[in-house]
Amino acid sequence: MFKDILHFVFVIVQILALLYGLYYFSTSIYGIVEKFNKKPSRNYLPLKKFAIFIPAHNEEKVIGNIVENLRHLNYPKDCYDVFVIADNCTDNTAKIAAEGGANVLLRYNEEKRGKGFALQWAFREVLYRKDADYDATVIFDADNLVSKDFLKEMNNKLCEGHKVLQGYIDSKNPEDSWITCSYSIAFWSANRLFQCAREYLGLSCQIGGTGFCVDTDILKRIGWEATCLVEDLEFTMKLMLNGIRVGWAHNAVVYDEKPLTMAQSWRQRRRWMQGFADVCSRYFVKLMVKSVKDRNLGLFDCALYTLQPYMIIMGGLMLLIPVLNAFVFDNEMLIITSIMFPNFFKAFGLMQFLLIPLGLFLDGKFSYKLFLYYPTYVLYCLTWIPISVQGVIMKNNKEWSHTLHTRTLSIHEIE
């Protein structure tokens, strides 16, 4: 009896995992298509005024670099202001930011800790005042560096009619370790195969935590109120439920520092999966119901995106099938890919393996050193399975954890 139930469960797991994989593979192909069918961009006059917010908790080692970087953007200096949110800092973050010319907002609140709460507070302090005259808001992390045309690109997109935009998240330190290289591959491939694909298909892109821009009227109308461990994901879902799509600004580049060690990476990604599981529990049903009611594929796509930790776990269970088939089911287990179009699924698996290098090559990210590191990317992907299990188990733990940033670079060393 137990063996029959287990067999049934694993058949369902196979079907769901394959459907999920086929959906994401078929949409990712449009990320390649987009590369060869780009719409011509238009340059507009600098019509938009920006408020730039940088939440920072004990970031004295890196805050000076981004403040200095932002002083030299290719955009009129009277059309943007920089606000550093010194959030529960016990170091020299506020002093260094002020000396660099930023407006420093001092926040002390030990109960409401984390980036989402810091932004919520700062928006009320700056944007919601009657005398505030900012057209749009941009968010960066303290460890970031920004391409000189970032605001110019955002201005162009806003003038085209976009209300919320995500910029291209690049890597500040891709060759520091195998972990930073794996992170970089993941982000680069997501930019091309996920974000570009959704922009091409007219679906909503996903806010990535940094390098994003929001029309200030949108913030005033629907509020921020995204204070969970993955405030970017929560705000994206909130936008979609309010009928607001996130656009993609491929040429607005922000360089993000990737964790150097597996321990740092594990803690960060576990926090992400905790947040995903939390957001999924609160938004999945709402998104699915509204997607059916409105016949909106974008809402359906966002609902599926919140399932990430659960689908990663299903992927891990798929890896157990050969072992279970051999030692539990005496090679009598129903394996979907063996009885339904086996050649198709073999080709599907090969194309999935080749799609990421192709995307990296098209964006000029593929290199000899990256090729040598690529096998470790497989190991990095496998670690997502236990991390996702932990994240789902700990989804009700809302305690925010800080990722240490130490990589001090200038924009001139990258571009």
Protein backbone atom coordinates (compact mmCIF):
# COMPACT_ATOMS: atom_id res chain seq x y z
CA MET A 1 0.00 0.00 0.00
CA PHE A 2 2.76 2.44 0.97
CA LYS A 3 4.66 1.60 -2.20
CA ASP A 4 1.57 2.35 -4.31
CA ILE A 5 1.06 5.74 -2.64
CA LEU A 6 4.74 6.58 -3.08
CA HIS A 7 4.54 5.54 -6.73
CA PHE A 8 1.48 7.76 -7.28
CA VAL A 9 3.14 10.74 -5.56
CA PHE A 10 6.25 10.46 -7.73
CA VAL A 11 4.20 10.20 -10.91
CA ILE A 12 2.43 13.46 -9.95
CA VAL A 13 5.80 15.04 -9.13
CA GLN A 14 7.10 14.05 -12.58
CA ILE A 15 4.09 15.53 -14.36
CA LEU A 16 4.18 18.83 -12.44
CA ALA A 17 7.96 19.22 -12.76
CA LEU A 18 7.87 18.50 -16.49
CA LEU A 19 5.01 20.93 -17.13
CA TYR A 20 6.78 23.62 -15.11
CA GLY A 21 10.06 22.97 -16.91
CA LEU A 22 8.43 23.01 -20.35
CA TYR A 23 6.69 26.30 -19.57
CA TYR A 24 9.88 28.03 -18.47
CA PHE A 25 11.92 26.56 -21.31
CA SER A 26 9.40 27.66 -23.93
CA THR A 27 9.24 31.22 -22.54
CA SER A 28 13.05 31.46 -22.20
CA ILE A 29 13.47 30.87 -25.94
CA TYR A 30 11.91 34.30 -26.45
CA GLY A 31 14.84 35.77 -24.55
CA ILE A 32 17.01 34.60 -27.47
CA VAL A 33 14.43 35.83 -30.00
CA GLU A 34 14.40 39.26 -28.33
CA LYS A 35 18.12 39.67 -29.00
CA PHE A 36 17.45 39.69 -32.76
CA ASN A 37 14.17 41.62 -32.67
CA LYS A 38 14.92 44.60 -30.48
CA LYS A 39 12.71 47.62 -30.81
CA PRO A 40 14.63 50.79 -31.70
CA SER A 41 15.14 53.01 -28.66
CA ARG A 42 14.64 56.75 -28.62
CA ASN A 43 16.55 59.33 -26.61
CA TYR A 44 14.41 61.87 -24.77
CA LEU A 45 15.37 65.09 -23.07
CA PRO A 46 16.03 64.65 -19.31
CA LEU A 47 12.45 65.38 -18.31
CA LYS A 48 12.25 63.26 -15.16
CA LYS A 49 13.58 64.15 -11.73
CA PHE A 50 14.75 61.20 -9.62
CA ALA A 51 15.05 60.48 -5.92
CA ILE A 52 17.72 57.79 -5.43
CA PHE A 53 17.49 55.75 -2.22
CA ILE A 54 20.28 53.55 -0.86
CA PRO A 55 19.33 51.49 2.23
CA ALA A 56 22.54 50.83 4.18
CA HIS A 57 23.17 48.90 7.38
CA ASN A 58 26.83 49.07 8.51
CA GLU A 59 28.17 49.53 4.98
CA GLU A 60 31.16 51.80 5.68
CA LYS A 61 33.46 49.70 3.47
CA VAL A 62 31.42 50.22 0.28
CA ILE A 63 29.05 53.17 0.72
CA GLY A 64 31.65 55.74 -0.34
CA ASN A 65 32.13 54.07 -3.71
CA ILE A 66 28.50 54.22 -4.82
CA VAL A 67 28.00 57.77 -3.50
CA GLU A 68 31.04 58.90 -5.48
CA ASN A 69 29.86 56.89 -8.50
CA LEU A 70 26.43 58.55 -8.46
CA ARG A 71 27.95 62.03 -8.48
CA HIS A 72 29.24 61.42 -12.01
CA LEU A 73 26.22 60.03 -13.84
CA ASN A 74 25.50 61.23 -17.36
CA TYR A 75 22.41 63.13 -16.25
CA PRO A 76 21.80 66.75 -15.13
CA LYS A 77 22.86 67.12 -11.50
CA ASP A 78 19.79 69.19 -10.63
CA CYS A 79 17.55 66.35 -11.83
CA TYR A 80 18.44 63.81 -9.15
CA ASP A 81 19.13 63.66 -5.41
CA VAL A 82 20.82 60.84 -3.50
CA PHE A 83 19.45 59.69 -0.13
CA VAL A 84 21.39 57.19 1.97
CA ILE A 85 19.24 55.51 4.62
CA ALA A 86 21.64 54.80 7.50
CA ASP A 87 19.54 52.02 8.99
CA ASN A 88 20.44 51.05 12.57
CA CYS A 89 24.11 51.69 11.78
CA THR A 90 26.81 51.36 14.42
CA ASP A 91 29.72 52.25 12.12
CA ASN A 92 30.74 55.24 9.97
CA THR A 93 28.25 54.67 7.13
CA ALA A 94 26.37 57.95 7.74
CA LYS A 95 29.57 60.00 8.10
CA ILE A 96 31.15 58.65 4.91
CA ALA A 97 27.92 59.12 2.92
CA ALA A 98 27.51 62.71 4.14
CA GLU A 99 31.14 63.53 3.33
CA GLY A 100 30.54 62.19 -0.18
CA GLY A 101 27.66 64.61 -0.73
CA ALA A 102 24.64 62.36 -0.11
CA ASN A 103 21.59 63.32 1.91
CA VAL A 104 21.69 61.05 4.97
CA LEU A 105 18.51 59.79 6.62
CA LEU A 106 19.19 58.37 10.10
CA ARG A 107 16.87 55.58 11.13
CA TYR A 108 16.88 53.65 14.42
CA ASN A 109 14.27 50.95 14.89
CA GLU A 110 15.38 47.60 16.29
CA GLU A 111 11.90 46.08 16.02
CA LYS A 112 11.25 46.77 12.33
CA ARG A 113 14.55 45.70 10.81
CA GLY A 114 15.34 45.15 7.16
CA LYS A 115 15.40 46.83 3.77
CA GLY A 116 11.64 46.85 3.24
CA PHE A 117 10.97 48.71 6.51
CA ALA A 118 13.84 51.14 5.80
CA LEU A 119 12.41 52.03 2.39
CA GLN A 120 8.90 52.36 3.74
CA TRP A 121 10.12 54.85 6.35
CA ALA A 122 12.30 56.81 3.90
CA PHE A 123 9.49 57.16 1.34
CA ARG A 124 7.28 58.71 4.01
CA GLU A 125 10.08 61.06 5.07
CA VAL A 126 10.92 62.27 1.55
CA LEU A 127 8.44 61.34 -1.20
CA TYR A 128 5.13 61.83 0.56
CA ARG A 129 5.83 65.41 1.65
CA LYS A 130 3.72 68.09 -0.02
CA ASP A 131 6.78 69.90 -1.33
CA ALA A 132 8.38 66.77 -2.88
CA ASP A 133 8.74 67.14 -6.66
CA TYR A 134 10.29 63.83 -7.73
CA ASP A 135 8.85 62.12 -10.79
CA ALA A 136 10.40 58.74 -10.06
CA THR A 137 12.26 56.80 -7.40
CA VAL A 138 15.31 54.58 -7.92
CA ILE A 139 16.61 52.00 -5.45
CA PHE A 140 20.19 50.75 -5.18
CA ASP A 141 21.99 48.58 -2.65
CA ALA A 142 24.99 50.04 -0.83
CA ASP A 143 27.44 47.60 -2.47
CA ASN A 144 26.38 48.55 -6.01
CA LEU A 145 28.06 50.52 -8.75
CA VAL A 146 26.01 52.13 -11.51
CA SER A 147 26.60 52.66 -15.23
CA LYS A 148 26.88 56.33 -16.15
CA ASP A 149 23.80 56.24 -18.41
CA PHE A 150 21.53 54.52 -15.87
CA LEU A 151 19.23 57.50 -15.22
CA LYS A 152 19.30 58.48 -18.89
CA GLU A 153 17.99 55.01 -19.82
CA MET A 154 15.34 55.12 -17.11
CA ASN A 155 14.26 58.57 -18.25
CA ASN A 156 13.85 57.26 -21.81
CA LYS A 157 11.72 54.33 -20.66
CA LEU A 158 9.57 56.48 -18.38
CA CYS A 159 8.98 58.93 -21.22
CA GLU A 160 7.83 56.00 -23.36
CA GLY A 161 5.09 55.35 -20.81
CA HIS A 162 6.52 52.75 -18.42
CA LYS A 163 5.65 53.17 -14.75
CA VAL A 164 7.93 50.58 -13.11
CA LEU A 165 11.24 49.34 -14.51
CA GLN A 166 13.96 46.89 -13.61
CA GLY A 167 17.51 47.53 -14.77
CA TYR A 168 20.12 44.98 -15.85
CA ILE A 169 21.74 43.47 -12.73
CA ASP A 170 25.35 42.73 -13.59
CA SER A 171 28.13 41.36 -11.39
CA LYS A 172 30.75 43.53 -9.71
CA ASN A 173 33.05 40.63 -8.86
CA PRO A 174 32.38 37.62 -11.16
CA GLU A 175 35.87 36.13 -10.94
CA ASP A 176 36.54 36.40 -7.19
CA SER A 177 35.57 32.78 -6.45
CA TRP A 178 33.58 29.89 -7.88
CA ILE A 179 30.61 31.13 -5.83
CA THR A 180 30.71 34.64 -7.33
CA CYS A 181 31.12 33.14 -10.79
CA SER A 182 28.10 30.87 -10.28
CA TYR A 183 26.01 33.77 -9.01
CA SER A 184 27.05 35.80 -12.04
CA ILE A 185 26.06 33.04 -14.46
CA ALA A 186 22.68 32.78 -12.72
CA PHE A 187 22.01 36.53 -12.89
CA TRP A 188 23.29 36.94 -16.46
CA SER A 189 21.18 34.04 -17.71
CA ALA A 190 18.12 35.33 -15.81
CA ASN A 191 18.54 38.74 -17.47
CA ARG A 192 18.57 37.22 -20.95
CA LEU A 193 16.32 34.16 -20.63
CA PHE A 194 13.82 35.38 -18.03
CA GLN A 195 13.62 39.18 -18.03
CA CYS A 196 14.20 39.83 -21.75
CA ALA A 197 11.77 37.03 -22.60
CA ARG A 198 9.02 38.56 -20.50
CA GLU A 199 9.61 42.01 -21.91
CA TYR A 200 9.34 40.59 -25.44
CA LEU A 201 6.16 38.65 -24.62
CA GLY A 202 4.52 41.59 -22.87
CA LEU A 203 4.51 39.82 -19.49
CA SER A 204 5.72 41.45 -16.29
CA CYS A 205 9.41 41.35 -15.48
CA GLN A 206 10.42 40.81 -11.87
CA ILE A 207 11.93 43.45 -9.61
CA GLY A 208 15.36 42.21 -8.57
CA GLY A 209 15.93 44.06 -5.30
CA THR A 210 18.22 46.73 -6.72
CA GLY A 211 18.51 48.87 -9.84
CA PHE A 212 14.76 49.38 -10.18
CA CYS A 213 12.72 52.50 -10.80
CA VAL A 214 9.15 53.35 -9.76
CA ASP A 215 6.99 56.26 -10.84
CA THR A 216 6.43 58.27 -7.65
CA ASP A 217 2.69 58.60 -8.30
CA ILE A 218 2.46 54.80 -8.25
CA LEU A 219 4.11 54.67 -4.82
CA LYS A 220 1.76 57.34 -3.53
CA ARG A 221 -1.29 55.57 -4.98
CA ILE A 222 -0.71 51.96 -3.90
CA GLY A 223 1.91 52.47 -1.18
CA TRP A 224 5.04 50.43 -0.56
CA GLU A 225 4.14 48.20 2.40
CA ALA A 226 6.53 45.48 1.16
CA THR A 227 8.40 44.56 4.32
CA CYS A 228 8.98 40.81 4.14
CA LEU A 229 12.37 39.11 3.55
CA VAL A 230 11.97 39.52 -0.24
CA GLU A 231 10.42 42.96 -0.48
CA ASP A 232 11.16 43.11 -4.22
CA LEU A 233 9.08 40.00 -4.96
CA GLU A 234 6.25 41.14 -2.70
CA PHE A 235 6.10 44.57 -4.34
CA THR A 236 6.07 42.99 -7.82
CA MET A 237 3.07 40.85 -6.87
CA LYS A 238 1.34 43.87 -5.36
CA LEU A 239 1.92 45.83 -8.57
CA MET A 240 0.47 43.05 -10.71
CA LEU A 241 -2.64 42.76 -8.55
CA ASN A 242 -3.10 46.50 -9.17
CA GLY A 243 -2.72 46.08 -12.94
CA ILE A 244 0.80 47.54 -13.16
CA ARG A 245 3.39 45.70 -15.21
CA VAL A 246 7.16 45.86 -14.55
CA GLY A 247 9.14 46.76 -17.67
CA TRP A 248 12.76 45.98 -18.55
CA ALA A 249 15.58 48.49 -19.10
CA HIS A 250 18.36 46.35 -20.55
CA ASN A 251 20.86 49.20 -20.95
CA ALA A 252 20.41 50.58 -17.42
CA VAL A 253 23.16 48.54 -15.78
CA VAL A 254 23.84 48.15 -12.07
CA TYR A 255 26.79 46.11 -10.78
CA ASP A 256 25.99 44.05 -7.70
CA GLU A 257 28.47 42.45 -5.30
CA LYS A 258 28.09 38.67 -5.07
CA PRO A 259 28.89 36.71 -1.89
CA LEU A 260 32.42 35.33 -1.76
CA THR A 261 31.87 32.15 0.25
CA MET A 262 29.41 29.28 0.34
CA ALA A 263 28.41 30.18 3.91
CA GLN A 264 27.46 33.74 2.91
CA SER A 265 25.72 32.48 -0.21
CA TRP A 266 23.79 29.82 1.71
CA ARG A 267 22.45 32.33 4.25
CA GLN A 268 21.44 34.81 1.56
CA ARG A 269 19.72 32.27 -0.65
CA ARG A 270 17.97 30.65 2.32
CA ARG A 271 16.56 34.09 3.18
CA TRP A 272 15.37 34.42 -0.42
CA MET A 273 13.62 31.03 -0.29
CA GLN A 274 12.04 31.84 3.09
CA GLY A 275 10.68 35.00 1.53
CA PHE A 276 9.50 33.21 -1.61
CA ALA A 277 7.61 30.63 0.45
CA ASP A 278 6.07 33.41 2.54
CA VAL A 279 5.00 35.46 -0.51
CA CYS A 280 3.67 32.32 -2.23
CA SER A 281 1.48 31.51 0.78
CA ARG A 282 -0.03 35.01 0.69
CA TYR A 283 -0.20 35.84 -3.02
CA PHE A 284 -0.35 32.63 -5.11
CA VAL A 285 -4.11 32.05 -4.79
CA LYS A 286 -4.90 35.77 -5.30
CA LEU A 287 -2.81 35.87 -8.46
CA MET A 288 -4.27 32.65 -9.87
CA VAL A 289 -7.87 33.68 -9.17
CA LYS A 290 -7.36 37.10 -10.75
CA SER A 291 -5.51 35.58 -13.73
CA VAL A 292 -8.49 33.33 -14.47
CA LYS A 293 -11.02 36.08 -13.84
CA ASP A 294 -9.17 38.61 -16.02
CA ARG A 295 -7.79 36.03 -18.49
CA ASN A 296 -4.38 37.52 -17.83
CA LEU A 297 -1.30 35.41 -18.62
CA GLY A 298 0.95 37.91 -16.82
CA LEU A 299 -0.76 37.21 -13.50
CA PHE A 300 -0.51 33.47 -14.13
CA ASP A 301 3.20 33.84 -14.89
CA CYS A 302 3.79 35.74 -11.65
CA ALA A 303 1.87 33.14 -9.67
CA LEU A 304 4.09 30.39 -11.07
CA TYR A 305 7.18 32.43 -10.22
CA THR A 306 6.29 32.43 -6.51
CA LEU A 307 6.37 28.60 -6.56
CA GLN A 308 10.15 28.54 -7.01
CA PRO A 309 11.15 26.85 -3.72
CA TYR A 310 8.53 24.14 -4.16
CA MET A 311 9.47 23.46 -7.78
CA ILE A 312 13.16 23.30 -6.88
CA ILE A 313 12.28 20.68 -4.25
CA MET A 314 10.31 18.78 -6.90
CA GLY A 315 13.36 18.94 -9.14
CA GLY A 316 15.36 17.40 -6.31
CA LEU A 317 12.81 14.62 -5.96
CA MET A 318 13.15 13.95 -9.69
CA LEU A 319 16.83 13.18 -9.10
CA LEU A 320 15.77 10.41 -6.68
CA ILE A 321 13.66 8.60 -9.26
CA PRO A 322 16.44 6.37 -10.71
CA VAL A 323 17.45 5.31 -7.19
CA LEU A 324 13.88 4.59 -6.11
CA ASN A 325 13.16 2.76 -9.34
CA ALA A 326 16.15 0.48 -8.86
CA PHE A 327 15.95 -0.23 -5.13
CA VAL A 328 12.28 0.26 -4.19
CA PHE A 329 10.20 -0.43 -7.28
CA ASP A 330 12.33 -3.19 -8.89
CA ASN A 331 12.60 -1.17 -12.12
CA GLU A 332 8.80 -1.13 -12.49
CA MET A 333 8.26 2.55 -11.70
CA LEU A 334 6.34 4.59 -14.24
CA ILE A 335 8.84 7.09 -15.65
CA ILE A 336 6.98 9.62 -17.78
CA THR A 337 9.93 10.57 -19.97
CA SER A 338 10.56 6.93 -20.89
CA ILE A 339 7.09 6.21 -22.22
CA MET A 340 6.03 9.58 -23.66
CA PHE A 341 8.17 10.98 -26.46
CA PRO A 342 11.53 9.81 -25.01
CA ASN A 343 13.55 11.34 -27.86
CA PHE A 344 11.80 14.66 -27.39
CA PHE A 345 12.70 14.78 -23.70
CA LYS A 346 16.31 13.85 -24.44
CA ALA A 347 16.49 16.75 -26.89
CA PHE A 348 14.68 18.96 -24.36
CA GLY A 349 17.29 18.15 -21.71
CA LEU A 350 20.17 18.87 -24.10
CA MET A 351 18.66 22.18 -25.23
CA GLN A 352 18.16 23.27 -21.62
CA PHE A 353 21.83 22.57 -20.95
CA LEU A 354 22.92 24.59 -24.00
CA LEU A 355 20.51 27.50 -23.63
CA ILE A 356 22.37 29.20 -20.76
CA PRO A 357 25.79 29.28 -22.53
CA LEU A 358 24.03 30.56 -25.66
CA GLY A 359 22.42 33.38 -23.69
CA LEU A 360 25.75 34.29 -22.09
CA PHE A 361 27.46 34.26 -25.48
CA LEU A 362 24.86 36.57 -27.04
CA ASP A 363 25.33 39.11 -24.24
CA GLY A 364 29.13 38.95 -24.45
CA LYS A 365 29.49 37.32 -21.03
CA PHE A 366 31.06 34.03 -22.08
CA SER A 367 34.81 33.78 -21.49
CA TYR A 368 37.53 31.17 -21.18
CA LYS A 369 37.61 31.51 -17.39
CA LEU A 370 33.83 31.25 -17.23
CA PHE A 371 34.04 28.03 -19.26
CA LEU A 372 36.45 26.57 -16.70
CA TYR A 373 34.13 27.55 -13.84
CA TYR A 374 30.97 26.29 -15.55
CA PRO A 375 31.02 22.77 -13.99
CA THR A 376 30.91 24.38 -10.53
CA TYR A 377 27.72 26.15 -11.60
CA VAL A 378 26.06 22.72 -11.65
CA LEU A 379 27.10 22.23 -8.01
CA TYR A 380 25.77 25.69 -7.17
CA CYS A 381 22.42 24.75 -8.74
CA LEU A 382 22.25 21.51 -6.74
CA THR A 383 22.73 23.41 -3.47
CA TRP A 384 19.43 25.17 -4.17
CA ILE A 385 17.62 21.92 -3.24
CA PRO A 386 18.54 21.76 0.49
CA ILE A 387 18.39 25.57 0.67
CA SER A 388 14.81 25.50 -0.64
CA VAL A 389 13.84 22.80 1.85
CA GLN A 390 15.22 24.97 4.66
CA GLY A 391 13.47 28.02 3.27
CA VAL A 392 10.06 26.33 3.17
CA ILE A 393 10.48 24.97 6.70
CA MET A 394 11.59 28.38 8.01
CA LYS A 395 9.15 30.53 6.00
CA ASN A 396 7.51 31.93 9.15
CA ASN A 397 10.86 33.14 10.50
CA LYS A 398 10.82 36.79 9.42
CA GLU A 399 14.12 37.80 11.04
CA TRP A 400 16.21 39.76 8.54
CA SER A 401 19.91 38.88 8.15
CA HIS A 402 22.56 41.23 6.77
CA THR A 403 24.94 40.15 3.98
CA LEU A 404 28.44 41.51 4.58
CA HIS A 405 29.91 43.57 1.72
CA THR A 406 33.64 44.22 1.50
CA ARG A 407 34.54 44.42 -2.21
CA THR A 408 35.74 47.99 -2.76
CA LEU A 409 35.90 48.83 -6.47
CA SER A 410 35.29 51.95 -8.52
CA ILE A 411 33.16 52.06 -11.65
CA HIS A 412 36.31 52.77 -13.68
CA GLU A 413 37.69 49.33 -12.72
CA ILE A 414 34.62 47.62 -14.19
CA GLU A 415 33.55 49.58 -17.26
